[in-house]
Protein backbone atom coordinates (compact mmCIF):
# COMPACT_ATOMS: atom_id res chain seq x y z
CA UNK A 1 -22.73 -23.55 -25.66
CA UNK A 2 -21.65 -23.30 -22.02
CA UNK A 3 -23.90 -21.54 -19.55
CA UNK A 4 -23.29 -19.92 -16.24
CA UNK A 5 -23.21 -22.50 -13.46
CA UNK A 6 -26.27 -21.96 -11.28
CA UNK A 7 -25.63 -20.83 -7.72
CA UNK A 8 -26.59 -23.09 -4.80
CA UNK A 9 -30.02 -22.44 -3.37
CA UNK A 10 -29.15 -20.32 -0.33
CA UNK A 11 -32.79 -19.32 0.11
CA UNK A 12 -33.30 -22.53 2.10
CA UNK A 13 -32.25 -22.39 5.80
CA UNK A 14 -28.96 -24.29 6.18
CA UNK A 15 -26.87 -25.45 9.11
CA UNK A 16 -23.14 -25.24 9.40
CA UNK A 17 -20.87 -28.28 9.24
CA UNK A 18 -21.21 -30.81 12.08
CA UNK A 19 -17.75 -29.69 13.12
CA UNK A 20 -19.57 -26.72 14.62
CA UNK A 21 -20.52 -28.97 17.58
CA UNK A 22 -16.83 -29.36 18.53
CA UNK A 23 -16.19 -25.65 18.04
CA UNK A 24 -19.25 -24.72 20.14
CA UNK A 25 -18.10 -27.04 22.96
CA UNK A 26 -14.66 -25.41 23.12
CA UNK A 27 -16.21 -21.96 22.79
CA UNK A 28 -18.57 -22.58 25.73
CA UNK A 29 -15.74 -23.98 27.87
CA UNK A 30 -13.56 -20.96 27.05
CA UNK A 31 -16.38 -18.53 27.87
CA UNK A 32 -17.06 -20.34 31.13
CA UNK A 33 -13.50 -19.99 32.39
CA UNK A 34 -12.87 -16.55 30.87
CA UNK A 35 -16.08 -14.87 32.01
CA UNK A 36 -17.21 -17.05 34.90
CA UNK A 37 -13.96 -17.77 36.73
CA UNK A 38 -15.00 -15.52 39.61
CA UNK A 39 -18.04 -17.72 40.24
CA UNK A 40 -16.11 -20.97 39.74
CA UNK A 41 -13.53 -20.22 42.46
CA UNK A 42 -15.98 -20.36 45.42
CA UNK A 43 -17.59 -23.48 43.91
CA UNK A 44 -14.24 -25.31 43.82
CA UNK A 45 -13.46 -24.11 47.35
CA UNK A 46 -16.81 -25.44 48.58
CA UNK A 47 -16.27 -28.80 46.86
CA UNK A 48 -12.90 -29.23 48.58
CA UNK A 49 -14.68 -29.25 51.94
CA UNK A 50 -16.42 -32.48 50.94
CA UNK A 51 -14.51 -35.73 50.80
CA UNK A 52 -15.70 -36.93 47.41
CA UNK A 53 -15.00 -40.45 46.24
CA UNK A 54 -13.27 -40.99 42.92
CA UNK A 55 -16.46 -42.26 41.29
CA UNK A 56 -18.29 -39.14 42.47
CA UNK A 57 -15.64 -36.89 40.89
CA UNK A 58 -15.85 -38.87 37.62
CA UNK A 59 -19.64 -38.71 37.69
CA UNK A 60 -19.61 -34.95 38.26
CA UNK A 61 -17.11 -34.45 35.41
CA UNK A 62 -19.22 -36.66 33.11
CA UNK A 63 -22.37 -34.66 33.88
CA UNK A 64 -20.56 -31.37 33.14
CA UNK A 65 -19.20 -32.74 29.84
CA UNK A 66 -22.65 -34.02 28.83
CA UNK A 67 -24.17 -30.61 29.57
CA UNK A 68 -21.59 -28.89 27.36
CA UNK A 69 -22.08 -31.40 24.53
CA UNK A 70 -25.88 -31.26 24.75
CA UNK A 71 -25.97 -27.47 24.74
CA UNK A 72 -23.50 -27.37 21.84
CA UNK A 73 -25.55 -29.88 19.84
CA UNK A 74 -28.73 -27.87 20.41
CA UNK A 75 -26.90 -24.69 19.39
CA UNK A 76 -25.80 -26.43 16.19
CA UNK A 77 -29.30 -27.72 15.46
CA UNK A 78 -30.95 -24.33 16.02
CA UNK A 79 -28.43 -22.24 14.04
CA UNK A 80 -29.56 -21.41 10.48
CA UNK A 81 -28.28 -19.08 7.78
CA UNK A 82 -29.99 -18.24 4.50
CA UNK A 83 -30.83 -15.53 1.99
CA UNK A 84 -34.24 -13.86 1.92
CA UNK A 85 -34.77 -11.26 -0.77
CA UNK A 86 -31.82 -8.88 -0.57
CA UNK A 87 -30.84 -9.77 3.01
CA UNK A 88 -28.62 -12.30 4.75
CA UNK A 89 -30.49 -13.89 7.65
CA UNK A 90 -29.01 -15.62 10.72
CA UNK A 91 -31.25 -17.41 13.25
CA UNK A 92 -29.63 -18.74 16.41
CA UNK A 93 -30.16 -19.44 20.09
CA UNK A 94 -31.35 -22.34 22.22
CA UNK A 95 -33.47 -20.79 24.96
CA UNK A 96 -33.39 -17.24 23.65
CA UNK A 97 -33.80 -16.98 19.86
CA UNK A 98 -32.29 -14.10 17.88
CA UNK A 99 -32.62 -13.18 14.23
CA UNK A 100 -30.00 -11.02 12.50
CA UNK A 101 -30.69 -9.41 9.11
CA UNK A 102 -28.00 -7.77 6.99
CA UNK A 103 -28.94 -6.12 3.65
CA UNK A 104 -26.58 -6.75 0.73
CA UNK A 105 -25.95 -3.04 0.20
CA UNK A 106 -24.61 -2.79 3.79
CA UNK A 107 -22.01 -5.53 3.30
CA UNK A 108 -18.51 -4.03 3.34
CA UNK A 109 -16.09 -6.97 3.41
CA UNK A 110 -16.25 -10.75 3.53
CA UNK A 111 -13.16 -12.37 5.05
CA UNK A 112 -12.04 -15.89 5.93
CA UNK A 113 -10.18 -17.08 9.04
CA UNK A 114 -9.01 -20.60 9.88
CA UNK A 115 -7.23 -21.58 13.11
CA UNK A 116 -5.39 -24.85 13.62
CA UNK A 117 -8.46 -26.67 15.01
CA UNK A 118 -10.52 -25.59 12.00
CA UNK A 119 -7.75 -26.82 9.71
CA UNK A 120 -7.94 -30.24 11.36
CA UNK A 121 -11.75 -30.28 11.10
CA UNK A 122 -11.70 -29.03 7.50
CA UNK A 123 -13.80 -25.90 8.12
CA UNK A 124 -13.23 -22.16 8.32
CA UNK A 125 -14.81 -18.98 9.68
CA UNK A 126 -16.61 -16.61 7.32
CA UNK A 127 -16.82 -13.03 8.64
CA UNK A 128 -19.15 -10.47 7.08
CA UNK A 129 -18.62 -6.83 8.08
CA UNK A 130 -21.19 -4.13 7.59
CA UNK A 131 -20.90 -0.35 7.23
CA UNK A 132 -20.53 1.51 10.50
CA UNK A 133 -20.49 -1.61 12.66
CA UNK A 134 -18.16 -1.93 15.62
CA UNK A 135 -18.16 -5.72 15.41
CA UNK A 136 -18.79 -8.58 12.97
CA UNK A 137 -22.45 -8.53 12.01
CA UNK A 138 -22.32 -12.16 10.86
CA UNK A 139 -19.83 -14.80 11.95
CA UNK A 140 -20.12 -18.37 10.58
CA UNK A 141 -17.49 -20.43 12.38
CA UNK A 142 -17.80 -23.88 10.76
CA UNK A 143 -18.32 -23.80 7.01
CA UNK A 144 -16.64 -26.12 4.54
CA UNK A 145 -14.21 -24.19 2.35
CA UNK A 146 -16.14 -24.77 -0.90
CA UNK A 147 -19.43 -23.88 0.76
CA UNK A 148 -17.94 -20.70 2.27
CA UNK A 149 -16.54 -19.57 -1.10
CA UNK A 150 -19.88 -20.28 -2.83
CA UNK A 151 -21.71 -18.28 -0.17
CA UNK A 152 -19.25 -15.38 -0.47
CA UNK A 153 -19.46 -15.31 -4.28
CA UNK A 154 -23.23 -15.52 -4.15
CA UNK A 155 -23.44 -12.55 -1.76
CA UNK A 156 -21.01 -10.45 -3.83
CA UNK A 157 -22.92 -11.20 -7.04
CA UNK A 158 -26.23 -10.33 -5.42
CA UNK A 159 -24.65 -7.20 -3.94
CA UNK A 160 -23.66 -6.13 -7.46
CA UNK A 161 -27.25 -6.77 -8.55
CA UNK A 162 -28.70 -4.28 -6.09
CA UNK A 163 -25.94 -1.77 -6.94
CA UNK A 164 -26.54 0.75 -9.74
CA UNK A 165 -23.79 -0.77 -11.89
CA UNK A 166 -25.74 -4.02 -12.23
CA UNK A 167 -24.82 -7.64 -11.76
CA UNK A 168 -21.97 -9.61 -13.17
CA UNK A 169 -24.48 -11.59 -15.23
CA UNK A 170 -25.97 -8.34 -16.53
CA UNK A 171 -22.59 -7.05 -17.64
CA UNK A 172 -21.88 -10.33 -19.37
CA UNK A 173 -25.26 -10.27 -21.06
CA UNK A 174 -24.66 -6.72 -22.25
CA UNK A 175 -21.37 -7.82 -23.77
CA UNK A 176 -23.23 -10.46 -25.82
CA UNK A 177 -21.78 -13.52 -24.07
CA UNK A 178 -22.98 -15.91 -21.42
CA UNK A 179 -19.99 -18.19 -21.28
CA UNK A 180 -18.76 -19.54 -17.97
CA UNK A 181 -15.23 -18.54 -18.99
CA UNK A 182 -16.29 -14.89 -18.87
CA UNK A 183 -17.41 -15.30 -15.26
CA UNK A 184 -14.14 -17.01 -14.36
CA UNK A 185 -12.23 -14.21 -16.08
CA UNK A 186 -14.04 -11.65 -13.91
CA UNK A 187 -13.02 -13.57 -10.79
CA UNK A 188 -9.45 -14.30 -11.84
CA UNK A 189 -6.80 -13.03 -9.43
CA UNK A 190 -3.41 -11.54 -10.23
CA UNK A 191 -0.58 -11.92 -7.73
CA UNK A 192 0.84 -8.57 -6.70
CA UNK A 193 3.22 -9.74 -3.97
CA UNK A 194 4.29 -13.08 -2.46
CA UNK A 195 6.60 -13.11 0.56
CA UNK A 196 9.20 -15.87 0.43
CA UNK A 197 11.01 -17.30 3.50
CA UNK A 198 14.01 -15.03 2.90
CA UNK A 199 11.64 -12.03 2.89
CA UNK A 200 10.12 -13.16 6.19
CA UNK A 201 13.62 -13.40 7.68
CA UNK A 202 14.37 -9.82 6.60
CA UNK A 203 11.04 -8.65 8.02
CA UNK A 204 11.69 -10.44 11.33
CA UNK A 205 15.18 -8.95 11.64
CA UNK A 206 13.87 -5.44 10.98
CA UNK A 207 10.98 -5.60 13.48
CA UNK A 208 10.67 -3.50 16.62
CA UNK A 209 12.82 -5.58 18.98
CA UNK A 210 12.09 -3.34 21.95
CA UNK A 211 8.58 -4.78 21.93
CA UNK A 212 9.95 -8.33 21.96
CA UNK A 213 12.32 -7.42 24.81
CA UNK A 214 9.34 -6.02 26.75
CA UNK A 215 7.38 -9.26 26.22
CA UNK A 216 10.35 -11.38 27.27
CA UNK A 217 11.04 -9.09 30.25
CA UNK A 218 7.44 -9.38 31.41
CA UNK A 219 7.67 -13.17 31.17
CA UNK A 220 10.94 -13.25 33.16
CA UNK A 221 9.53 -10.89 35.82
CA UNK A 222 6.36 -12.95 36.20
CA UNK A 223 8.41 -16.14 36.51
CA UNK A 224 10.69 -14.49 39.06
CA UNK A 225 7.71 -13.34 41.15
CA UNK A 226 6.24 -16.85 41.19
CA UNK A 227 9.58 -18.46 42.12
CA UNK A 228 10.13 -15.89 44.87
CA UNK A 229 6.74 -16.75 46.36
CA UNK A 230 7.33 -20.50 46.11
CA UNK A 231 10.97 -20.59 47.28
CA UNK A 232 10.68 -17.79 49.86
CA UNK A 233 14.22 -16.41 49.44
CA UNK A 234 15.66 -13.13 50.72
CA UNK A 235 15.59 -10.68 47.81
CA UNK A 236 17.95 -8.12 49.39
CA UNK A 237 20.53 -10.80 50.15
CA UNK A 238 20.48 -12.09 46.58
CA UNK A 239 20.89 -8.57 45.20
CA UNK A 240 23.90 -7.98 47.48
CA UNK A 241 25.45 -11.24 46.29
CA UNK A 242 24.82 -10.31 42.67
CA UNK A 243 26.38 -6.87 43.23
CA UNK A 244 29.44 -8.49 44.70
CA UNK A 245 29.75 -10.92 41.80
CA UNK A 246 29.48 -8.14 39.21
CA UNK A 247 32.13 -6.02 40.91
CA UNK A 248 34.30 -4.02 38.58
CA UNK A 249 33.18 -6.01 35.51
CA UNK A 250 29.66 -4.60 35.55
CA UNK A 251 29.97 -2.91 32.16
CA UNK A 252 31.00 -6.13 30.45
CA UNK A 253 28.27 -8.12 32.17
CA UNK A 254 25.70 -5.45 31.33
CA UNK A 255 26.78 -5.58 27.70
CA UNK A 256 26.44 -9.38 27.74
CA UNK A 257 22.97 -9.09 29.24
CA UNK A 258 21.92 -6.62 26.54
CA UNK A 259 23.34 -8.89 23.83
CA UNK A 260 21.41 -11.90 25.18
CA UNK A 261 18.22 -9.82 25.35
CA UNK A 262 18.68 -8.70 21.73
CA UNK A 263 19.30 -12.27 20.54
CA UNK A 264 16.22 -13.53 22.37
CA UNK A 265 14.13 -10.66 21.00
CA UNK A 266 15.37 -11.46 17.49
CA UNK A 267 14.33 -15.09 17.89
CA UNK A 268 10.91 -14.04 19.19
CA UNK A 269 10.43 -11.56 16.33
CA UNK A 270 11.43 -14.13 13.72
CA UNK A 271 9.03 -16.67 15.21
CA UNK A 272 6.10 -14.26 15.36
CA UNK A 273 6.79 -13.02 11.82
CA UNK A 274 7.04 -16.55 10.42
CA UNK A 275 3.88 -17.89 12.03
CA UNK A 276 1.81 -14.76 11.40
CA UNK A 277 2.86 -14.04 7.79
CA UNK A 278 3.66 -17.51 6.45
CA UNK A 279 2.81 -17.80 2.74
CA UNK A 280 1.72 -14.14 2.66
CA UNK A 281 0.17 -13.39 -0.72
CA UNK A 282 -1.41 -10.14 -1.96
CA UNK A 283 -3.57 -10.43 -5.08
CA UNK A 284 -5.58 -8.13 -7.32
CA UNK A 285 -9.19 -9.19 -7.81
CA UNK A 286 -11.73 -7.96 -10.34
CA UNK A 287 -12.56 -4.89 -8.26
CA UNK A 288 -10.20 -4.86 -5.30
CA UNK A 289 -7.34 -6.36 -3.31
CA UNK A 290 -7.15 -9.57 -1.30
CA UNK A 291 -4.48 -10.90 1.07
CA UNK A 292 -3.94 -14.38 2.49
CA UNK A 293 -1.52 -15.21 5.27
CA UNK A 294 -0.88 -17.32 8.38
CA UNK A 295 0.44 -20.73 9.40
CA UNK A 296 -1.28 -21.80 12.62
CA UNK A 297 -4.21 -19.46 11.92
CA UNK A 298 -4.96 -18.72 8.29
CA UNK A 299 -6.61 -15.47 7.27
CA UNK A 300 -8.12 -14.08 4.11
CA UNK A 301 -8.93 -10.36 4.01
CA UNK A 302 -10.22 -8.34 1.08
CA UNK A 303 -11.55 -4.93 0.13
CA UNK A 304 -12.65 -3.10 -2.99
CA UNK A 305 -10.53 -0.32 -4.45
CA UNK A 306 -13.22 2.34 -4.07
CA UNK A 307 -13.39 1.69 -0.30
CA UNK A 308 -9.68 2.43 0.20
CA UNK A 309 -9.59 5.95 1.64
CA UNK A 310 -5.84 6.46 2.00
CA UNK A 311 -2.51 4.64 2.07
CA UNK A 312 0.80 4.88 3.91
CA UNK A 313 4.22 3.32 3.53
CA UNK A 314 7.46 3.62 5.45
CA UNK A 315 10.67 2.00 6.61
CA UNK A 316 13.10 2.10 9.54
CA UNK A 317 16.89 2.00 9.79
CA UNK A 318 17.13 -1.78 9.28
CA UNK A 319 14.34 -2.01 6.70
CA UNK A 320 16.13 0.69 4.72
CA UNK A 321 19.18 -1.59 4.46
CA UNK A 322 16.99 -4.37 3.05
CA UNK A 323 15.02 -1.99 0.83
CA UNK A 324 11.76 -2.94 2.59
CA UNK A 325 8.67 -0.88 3.29
CA UNK A 326 5.59 -1.52 5.43
CA UNK A 327 2.61 -0.68 3.21
CA UNK A 328 -0.87 -0.06 4.64
CA UNK A 329 -4.25 0.53 3.00
CA UNK A 330 -7.06 2.10 5.04
CA UNK A 331 -10.59 1.14 3.91
CA UNK A 332 -13.65 3.02 5.11
CA UNK A 333 -14.36 1.98 8.72
CA UNK A 334 -15.53 3.31 12.04
CA UNK A 335 -12.94 4.33 14.63
CA UNK A 336 -13.42 1.01 16.47
CA UNK A 337 -12.75 -1.02 13.32
CA UNK A 338 -10.14 1.21 11.66
CA UNK A 339 -7.14 -0.80 12.83
CA UNK A 340 -8.87 -4.15 12.32
CA UNK A 341 -9.87 -3.42 8.72
CA UNK A 342 -6.50 -1.93 7.74
CA UNK A 343 -4.82 -4.08 5.09
CA UNK A 344 -1.17 -4.17 6.08
CA UNK A 345 1.71 -5.58 4.04
CA UNK A 346 4.58 -6.29 6.49
CA UNK A 347 7.26 -6.16 3.82
CA UNK A 348 7.28 -4.81 0.27
CA UNK A 349 9.94 -3.52 -2.09
CA UNK A 350 9.88 -0.28 -4.05
CA UNK A 351 8.48 -1.97 -7.15
CA UNK A 352 5.56 -3.31 -5.10
CA UNK A 353 4.93 0.12 -3.54
CA UNK A 354 4.86 1.70 -7.00
CA UNK A 355 2.53 -1.00 -8.37
CA UNK A 356 0.09 -0.60 -5.47
CA UNK A 357 0.05 3.20 -5.77
CA UNK A 358 -0.65 2.90 -9.50
CA UNK A 359 -3.41 0.36 -8.84
CA UNK A 360 -5.15 2.45 -6.17
CA UNK A 361 -4.63 5.98 -7.55
CA UNK A 362 -4.11 5.28 -11.26
CA UNK A 363 -2.91 8.19 -13.38
CA UNK A 364 -3.58 10.62 -10.54
CA UNK A 365 -0.43 9.41 -8.77
CA UNK A 366 1.85 10.25 -11.71
CA UNK A 367 0.97 13.94 -12.14
CA UNK A 368 3.17 16.85 -11.04
CA UNK A 369 3.01 17.96 -7.43
CA UNK A 370 3.63 21.35 -5.87
CA UNK A 371 5.97 21.07 -2.88
CA UNK A 372 5.59 22.91 0.41
CA UNK A 373 7.64 22.95 3.63
CA UNK A 374 6.55 23.81 7.13
CA UNK A 375 7.75 27.00 8.81
CA UNK A 376 11.12 27.05 10.58
CA UNK A 377 9.25 28.17 13.68
CA UNK A 378 8.50 24.44 14.08
CA UNK A 379 12.15 23.88 15.06
CA UNK A 380 12.03 26.70 17.60
CA UNK A 381 8.81 25.66 19.32
CA UNK A 382 9.42 21.89 19.28
CA UNK A 383 12.96 22.21 20.62
CA UNK A 384 11.80 24.55 23.37
CA UNK A 385 8.90 22.44 24.68
CA UNK A 386 10.28 18.95 23.99
CA UNK A 387 14.00 19.60 24.31
CA UNK A 388 15.19 22.52 26.45
CA UNK A 389 12.45 22.68 29.11
CA UNK A 390 12.37 18.91 29.87
CA UNK A 391 16.19 18.76 30.02
CA UNK A 392 16.46 21.69 32.44
CA UNK A 393 13.58 20.50 34.65
CA UNK A 394 14.96 16.94 34.90
CA UNK A 395 18.44 18.24 35.69
CA UNK A 396 17.10 20.48 38.48
CA UNK A 397 14.87 17.80 40.02
CA UNK A 398 17.49 15.03 39.92
CA UNK A 399 20.28 17.28 41.24
CA UNK A 400 19.00 16.75 44.80
CA UNK A 401 19.46 12.97 44.40
CA UNK A 402 22.39 12.52 42.01
CA UNK A 403 24.31 15.75 42.42
CA UNK A 404 26.51 16.70 39.46
CA UNK A 405 25.52 13.52 37.57
CA UNK A 406 22.14 15.14 36.90
CA UNK A 407 23.90 17.30 34.28
CA UNK A 408 23.70 14.30 31.92
CA UNK A 409 20.02 15.18 31.39
CA UNK A 410 21.14 18.38 29.67
CA UNK A 411 22.37 16.20 26.80
CA UNK A 412 18.71 15.69 25.92
CA UNK A 413 18.56 19.24 24.53
CA UNK A 414 21.11 18.83 21.67
CA UNK A 415 19.63 15.39 20.86
CA UNK A 416 16.12 16.84 20.65
CA UNK A 417 17.41 19.75 18.55
CA UNK A 418 19.14 17.39 16.10
CA UNK A 419 16.04 15.17 15.81
CA UNK A 420 13.79 18.20 15.23
CA UNK A 421 16.05 19.55 12.48
CA UNK A 422 16.10 16.16 10.74
CA UNK A 423 12.30 15.93 10.97
CA UNK A 424 11.95 19.44 9.56
CA UNK A 425 14.21 18.67 6.59
CA UNK A 426 12.39 15.42 5.79
CA UNK A 427 8.90 16.88 6.13
CA UNK A 428 7.35 17.76 2.79
CA UNK A 429 3.77 18.39 1.66
CA UNK A 430 2.99 17.39 -1.94
CA UNK A 431 -0.22 18.71 -3.53
CA UNK A 432 -1.69 17.92 -6.94
CA UNK A 433 -5.11 18.48 -8.44
CA UNK A 434 -6.40 15.18 -7.05
CA UNK A 435 -3.97 13.91 -4.39
CA UNK A 436 -2.27 15.08 -1.19
CA UNK A 437 0.85 13.33 0.10
CA UNK A 438 2.94 13.92 3.24
CA UNK A 439 6.53 12.80 3.75
CA UNK A 440 8.14 12.85 7.20
CA UNK A 441 10.33 10.97 9.69
CA UNK A 442 13.45 11.14 11.84
CA UNK A 443 15.14 7.75 11.80
CA UNK A 444 12.78 6.51 9.10
CA UNK A 445 11.00 7.68 5.97
CA UNK A 446 7.20 7.74 6.27
CA UNK A 447 4.64 8.64 3.62
CA UNK A 448 0.86 9.17 3.70
CA UNK A 449 -1.32 9.70 0.66
CA UNK A 450 -5.02 10.47 0.14
CA UNK A 451 -7.25 11.30 -2.81
CA UNK A 452 -9.00 14.63 -2.24
CA UNK A 453 -12.39 13.16 -3.19
CA UNK A 454 -12.12 10.86 -0.16
CA UNK A 455 -11.93 13.77 2.30
CA UNK A 456 -15.12 14.20 4.32
CA UNK A 457 -14.28 17.28 6.40
CA UNK A 458 -11.57 19.95 6.66
CA UNK A 459 -10.66 21.97 9.75
CA UNK A 460 -8.37 25.00 9.82
CA UNK A 461 -7.11 26.11 13.24
CA UNK A 462 -4.62 28.60 14.71
CA UNK A 463 -3.01 28.74 18.12
CA UNK A 464 -2.18 32.19 19.53
CA UNK A 465 1.46 31.67 18.54
CA UNK A 466 0.52 30.55 15.00
CA UNK A 467 -1.79 33.53 14.63
CA UNK A 468 1.03 35.95 15.50
CA UNK A 469 3.33 34.25 12.98
CA UNK A 470 0.65 33.98 10.25
CA UNK A 471 0.71 30.17 10.47
CA UNK A 472 -2.04 27.57 10.70
CA UNK A 473 -2.79 23.86 11.14
CA UNK A 474 -5.00 21.95 8.72
CA UNK A 475 -6.76 18.66 9.53
CA UNK A 476 -8.30 16.41 6.86
CA UNK A 477 -10.88 13.85 8.01
CA UNK A 478 -11.79 10.75 6.02
CA UNK A 479 -13.54 7.46 6.70
CA UNK A 480 -10.18 5.69 6.81
CA UNK A 481 -7.49 7.87 8.39
CA UNK A 482 -7.03 11.52 9.29
CA UNK A 483 -4.25 13.83 8.07
CA UNK A 484 -2.75 16.81 9.89
CA UNK A 485 -0.45 19.58 8.65
CA UNK A 486 0.99 21.97 11.24
CA UNK A 487 3.11 25.09 10.93
CA UNK A 488 2.18 25.82 7.32
CA UNK A 489 1.46 29.35 6.13
CA UNK A 490 -2.06 30.62 6.74
CA UNK A 491 -2.50 31.54 3.06
CA UNK A 492 -1.58 28.01 1.94
CA UNK A 493 -3.87 26.43 4.57
CA UNK A 494 -6.80 28.63 3.51
CA UNK A 495 -6.26 27.96 -0.20
CA UNK A 496 -5.95 24.25 0.42
CA UNK A 497 -9.07 24.18 2.58
CA UNK A 498 -11.14 25.96 -0.07
CA UNK A 499 -9.77 23.79 -2.87
CA UNK A 500 -10.41 20.52 -1.03
CA UNK A 501 -13.96 21.55 -0.18
CA UNK A 502 -14.51 22.43 -3.83
CA UNK A 503 -13.15 19.03 -4.95
CA UNK A 504 -15.30 17.19 -2.42
CA UNK A 505 -18.48 19.00 -3.47
CA UNK A 506 -17.84 18.76 -7.22
CA UNK A 507 -16.47 15.20 -7.33
CA UNK A 508 -18.66 12.44 -8.75
CA UNK A 509 -16.42 9.66 -7.43
CA UNK A 510 -17.86 7.37 -4.77
CA UNK A 511 -15.97 7.54 -1.49
CA UNK A 512 -17.07 3.98 -0.63
């Protein structure tokens, strides 16, 4: 009869792979130039005053390299990780020793990361996040892949042991089996989504190209500034020459310039998308979700289902053509880590969105919802403060410079009015016994969804205008993401507040 394979003995202090020496060297060099550049500049200036021989320069460089290597080797030798009782222990430091302890019940996520140097060296980084931390509590930067996976599985199994539900071995024992196949079955993963090259192309095409244009524009401007300083040319003269060249064909040349910028931004977006999301795979684990992605730098990120506080999904004009949605899951995290811990899927189709909603919310997502719209006073107030007043003020201010051409700013009012009406028509609040969902957007369709048991606080507020119109705003606070509803009736806001507080107090579900 097969037995469960015994775990490695992590109670003994262990070092990382010897590749850590190389990683420590590069890390120290990077920190020196990134944090100590201000001190290095006067040193280099002072050295230039001395006429050093070549052998003296080589000797000085050799001494510096030996210092880095020696310090890195000592850091490697004096870095230990191990398990003591129900805690993960890290001991590190050469001159100043530190000891970090992390209890198993505080471990939130265990993720992997592997940059191109680590791929060459055959190691990866294991990151262990804890509850409420604004940074990685434990960061092992040079573990062999098998060793890292063994350490992760060992921690997760021990974490289950200290949890009320019991260990994996305990559940297997209770089922009357101790076969290794049962353990493997618990750890088996099911692929939920795998992005193919054609999907990455669609995602790259539908990205925010204005951001890519801004990056390219910043690069061009920086290059221009450096060339101007080096070549010392007359800027005003060049602008006059360029104005003369453009002449009456300025519209055509401007259109060509915009087309070139769009093409370059498309190339940049495709490149970033390909390298960042290469071989993107989202899988279902025994108790959660895991994603792997990256070409030059490989990542593995995971979370348990009970830690997911809310979700969102949405498209834009181009993604809508391809039938793509950006899907995000928000695990419990502090404000500093909220964006970092968010599990984002850059491209998913409707069938994937439906499957993920069913996985996270189960039967609660398929029940009937009551539908509620915001008040039409939203159109009036939004158009006034973000449409009419800005348009009139800009037209008045610019009239002294541009004369009658300033009237073009008045076009902002009908555009703002049209956008506000579209937003109003798309906005919808869906409420069921267990779930709240918001739908909104102007040029896109956005959705946010949260289980009521995940809400930690509710705030009802009224501005003087809302009070006169019997309206209110309701804010829901969770450990993952906050929700806000404005311009809903006061009666609905009050009922919803009382109901959510009742669900929170009476729910037996764990929010983490």
